[in-house]
Amino acid sequence: MNKEERALLKQKIIDTIQQTREEIRHLEDATQPIAPENAIGRVSRMDAINNKSVSEATLRSAKKKLSNLEAALTKVDLPEFGICVRCKQAIPPARLMFMPQSNRCVRCAER
């Protein structure tokens, strides 16, 4: 990976971190407790609780992604960045641009 590719990837990571933080803020709002005094009806309350559960799962996933992105940002300038941790082959730049937090190539990630 050359310097230009690393610079582009570093900017992509920074942009993705910013987007993920914004997503987390919205999800945290969506996972607030459902107040029992709200007169929304039994079925609507069940829907709200179900939606809250889905939002909580998405929030956990977003927080994990953010953690991985922050780790990738600290490693992007290292020579071993972009090398699969499993097979030690280069991770294709297109994969890194799509998922900058990737530390495995497609083949190893599928295993």
C-alpha atoms as a PDB file:
ATOM      1  CA  MET A   1       0.000   0.000   0.000  1.00  0.00           C
ATOM      2  CA  ASN A   2       1.504   3.318  -1.046  1.00  0.00           C
ATOM      3  CA  LYS A   3       1.354   6.665   0.806  1.00  0.00           C
ATOM      4  CA  GLU A   4      -1.556   7.995  -1.263  1.00  0.00           C
ATOM      5  CA  GLU A   5      -3.653   4.905  -0.595  1.00  0.00           C
ATOM      6  CA  ARG A   6      -2.851   5.137   3.119  1.00  0.00           C
ATOM      7  CA  ALA A   7      -3.808   8.817   3.199  1.00  0.00           C
ATOM      8  CA  LEU A   8      -7.130   8.077   1.464  1.00  0.00           C
ATOM      9  CA  LEU A   9      -7.778   5.180   3.795  1.00  0.00           C
ATOM     10  CA  LYS A  10      -6.912   7.258   6.859  1.00  0.00           C
ATOM     11  CA  GLN A  11      -9.414   9.922   5.773  1.00  0.00           C
ATOM     12  CA  LYS A  12     -12.019   7.218   5.138  1.00  0.00           C
ATOM     13  CA  ILE A  13     -11.477   5.878   8.666  1.00  0.00           C
ATOM     14  CA  ILE A  14     -11.814   9.366  10.165  1.00  0.00           C
ATOM     15  CA  ASP A  15     -15.012  10.017   8.191  1.00  0.00           C
ATOM     16  CA  THR A  16     -16.452   6.625   9.153  1.00  0.00           C
ATOM     17  CA  ILE A  17     -15.644   7.230  12.833  1.00  0.00           C
ATOM     18  CA  GLN A  18     -17.531  10.524  12.673  1.00  0.00           C
ATOM     19  CA  GLN A  19     -20.542   8.881  10.981  1.00  0.00           C
ATOM     20  CA  THR A  20     -20.530   6.011  13.475  1.00  0.00           C
ATOM     21  CA  ARG A  21     -20.432   8.399  16.447  1.00  0.00           C
ATOM     22  CA  GLU A  22     -23.440  10.235  15.021  1.00  0.00           C
ATOM     23  CA  GLU A  23     -25.259   6.927  14.512  1.00  0.00           C
ATOM     24  CA  ILE A  24     -24.496   5.974  18.131  1.00  0.00           C
ATOM     25  CA  ARG A  25     -25.969   9.262  19.373  1.00  0.00           C
ATOM     26  CA  HIS A  26     -29.204   8.588  17.475  1.00  0.00           C
ATOM     27  CA  LEU A  27     -29.349   4.998  18.675  1.00  0.00           C
ATOM     28  CA  GLU A  28     -28.818   6.040  22.278  1.00  0.00           C
ATOM     29  CA  ASP A  29     -31.874   8.269  21.940  1.00  0.00           C
ATOM     30  CA  ALA A  30     -33.845   5.361  20.474  1.00  0.00           C
ATOM     31  CA  THR A  31     -32.913   3.050  23.351  1.00  0.00           C
ATOM     32  CA  GLN A  32     -34.279   5.207  26.148  1.00  0.00           C
ATOM     33  CA  PRO A  33     -36.646   3.353  28.506  1.00  0.00           C
ATOM     34  CA  ILE A  34     -40.321   3.248  27.591  1.00  0.00           C
ATOM     35  CA  ALA A  35     -42.154   5.074  30.364  1.00  0.00           C
ATOM     36  CA  PRO A  36     -45.053   2.990  31.754  1.00  0.00           C
ATOM     37  CA  GLU A  37     -47.237   6.065  32.216  1.00  0.00           C
ATOM     38  CA  ASN A  38     -47.351   6.673  28.450  1.00  0.00           C
ATOM     39  CA  ALA A  39     -50.871   5.893  27.300  1.00  0.00           C
ATOM     40  CA  ILE A  40     -49.883   4.362  23.978  1.00  0.00           C
ATOM     41  CA  GLY A  41     -51.870   1.158  24.213  1.00  0.00           C
ATOM     42  CA  ARG A  42     -50.761  -2.420  24.780  1.00  0.00           C
ATOM     43  CA  VAL A  43     -49.916  -3.304  21.165  1.00  0.00           C
ATOM     44  CA  SER A  44     -48.118  -0.027  20.566  1.00  0.00           C
ATOM     45  CA  ARG A  45     -46.163  -0.522  23.802  1.00  0.00           C
ATOM     46  CA  MET A  46     -45.096  -3.996  22.627  1.00  0.00           C
ATOM     47  CA  ASP A  47     -43.986  -2.519  19.296  1.00  0.00           C
ATOM     48  CA  ALA A  48     -42.037   0.192  21.108  1.00  0.00           C
ATOM     49  CA  ILE A  49     -40.326  -2.384  23.337  1.00  0.00           C
ATOM     50  CA  ASN A  50     -39.486  -4.538  20.301  1.00  0.00           C
ATOM     51  CA  ASN A  51     -38.075  -1.535  18.427  1.00  0.00           C
ATOM     52  CA  LYS A  52     -36.037  -0.632  21.504  1.00  0.00           C
ATOM     53  CA  SER A  53     -34.547  -4.139  21.549  1.00  0.00           C
ATOM     54  CA  VAL A  54     -33.583  -3.891  17.888  1.00  0.00           C
ATOM     55  CA  SER A  55     -32.045  -0.466  18.505  1.00  0.00           C
ATOM     56  CA  GLU A  56     -30.064  -1.831  21.465  1.00  0.00           C
ATOM     57  CA  ALA A  57     -28.602  -4.611  19.322  1.00  0.00           C
ATOM     58  CA  THR A  58     -27.725  -2.120  16.601  1.00  0.00           C
ATOM     59  CA  LEU A  59     -26.163   0.166  19.224  1.00  0.00           C
ATOM     60  CA  ARG A  60     -23.926  -2.654  20.509  1.00  0.00           C
ATOM     61  CA  SER A  61     -22.839  -3.380  16.944  1.00  0.00           C
ATOM     62  CA  ALA A  62     -22.114   0.301  16.249  1.00  0.00           C
ATOM     63  CA  LYS A  63     -20.038   0.611  19.424  1.00  0.00           C
ATOM     64  CA  LYS A  64     -17.993  -2.433  18.425  1.00  0.00           C
ATOM     65  CA  LYS A  65     -17.489  -0.975  14.948  1.00  0.00           C
ATOM     66  CA  LEU A  66     -16.373   2.336  16.466  1.00  0.00           C
ATOM     67  CA  SER A  67     -13.870   0.554  18.683  1.00  0.00           C
ATOM     68  CA  ASN A  68     -12.469  -1.350  15.690  1.00  0.00           C
ATOM     69  CA  LEU A  69     -12.279   1.843  13.618  1.00  0.00           C
ATOM     70  CA  GLU A  70     -10.419   3.680  16.373  1.00  0.00           C
ATOM     71  CA  ALA A  71      -7.965   0.773  16.597  1.00  0.00           C
ATOM     72  CA  ALA A  72      -7.523   0.852  12.808  1.00  0.00           C
ATOM     73  CA  LEU A  73      -6.832   4.590  12.928  1.00  0.00           C
ATOM     74  CA  THR A  74      -3.966   4.048  15.376  1.00  0.00           C
ATOM     75  CA  LYS A  75      -2.483   1.340  13.133  1.00  0.00           C
ATOM     76  CA  VAL A  76      -3.024   2.794   9.649  1.00  0.00           C
ATOM     77  CA  ASP A  77       0.511   4.202   9.429  1.00  0.00           C
ATOM     78  CA  LEU A  78       2.184   0.967  10.508  1.00  0.00           C
ATOM     79  CA  PRO A  79       3.759  -1.202   7.775  1.00  0.00           C
ATOM     80  CA  GLU A  80       1.714  -4.261   8.798  1.00  0.00           C
ATOM     81  CA  PHE A  81      -1.603  -2.431   8.376  1.00  0.00           C
ATOM     82  CA  GLY A  82      -3.544  -3.934   5.474  1.00  0.00           C
ATOM     83  CA  ILE A  83      -2.045  -7.380   6.021  1.00  0.00           C
ATOM     84  CA  CYS A  84      -4.431 -10.191   6.985  1.00  0.00           C
ATOM     85  CA  VAL A  85      -3.819 -11.263  10.576  1.00  0.00           C
ATOM     86  CA  ARG A  86      -4.605 -14.853   9.667  1.00  0.00           C
ATOM     87  CA  CYS A  87      -2.939 -15.662   6.333  1.00  0.00           C
ATOM     88  CA  LYS A  88      -0.464 -12.734   6.232  1.00  0.00           C
ATOM     89  CA  GLN A  89      -1.498 -11.785   2.673  1.00  0.00           C
ATOM     90  CA  ALA A  90      -2.357  -8.224   1.644  1.00  0.00           C
ATOM     91  CA  ILE A  91      -5.986  -7.232   2.136  1.00  0.00           C
ATOM     92  CA  PRO A  92      -7.313  -5.775  -1.137  1.00  0.00           C
ATOM     93  CA  PRO A  93      -7.535  -1.952  -0.983  1.00  0.00           C
ATOM     94  CA  ALA A  94     -11.179  -2.097  -2.134  1.00  0.00           C
ATOM     95  CA  ARG A  95     -12.068  -4.164   0.955  1.00  0.00           C
ATOM     96  CA  LEU A  96     -10.258  -1.718   3.209  1.00  0.00           C
ATOM     97  CA  MET A  97     -12.097   1.217   1.625  1.00  0.00           C
ATOM     98  CA  PHE A  98     -15.422  -0.571   2.115  1.00  0.00           C
ATOM     99  CA  MET A  99     -14.640  -1.835   5.626  1.00  0.00           C
ATOM    100  CA  PRO A 100     -11.646   0.128   6.913  1.00  0.00           C
ATOM    101  CA  GLN A 101     -11.754  -1.726  10.226  1.00  0.00           C
ATOM    102  CA  SER A 102     -11.044  -5.056   8.476  1.00  0.00           C
ATOM    103  CA  ASN A 103      -8.053  -6.980   9.691  1.00  0.00           C
ATOM    104  CA  ARG A 104      -8.721 -10.096   7.622  1.00  0.00           C
ATOM    105  CA  CYS A 105      -8.994 -10.729   3.903  1.00  0.00           C
ATOM    106  CA  VAL A 106     -12.329 -11.895   2.507  1.00  0.00           C
ATOM    107  CA  ARG A 107     -11.308 -15.550   2.401  1.00  0.00           C
ATOM    108  CA  CYS A 108     -10.137 -15.601   6.026  1.00  0.00           C
ATOM    109  CA  ALA A 109     -13.136 -13.570   7.207  1.00  0.00           C
ATOM    110  CA  GLU A 110     -15.514 -16.164   5.718  1.00  0.00           C
ATOM    111  CA  ARG A 111     -13.942 -19.015   7.674  1.00  0.00           C
END
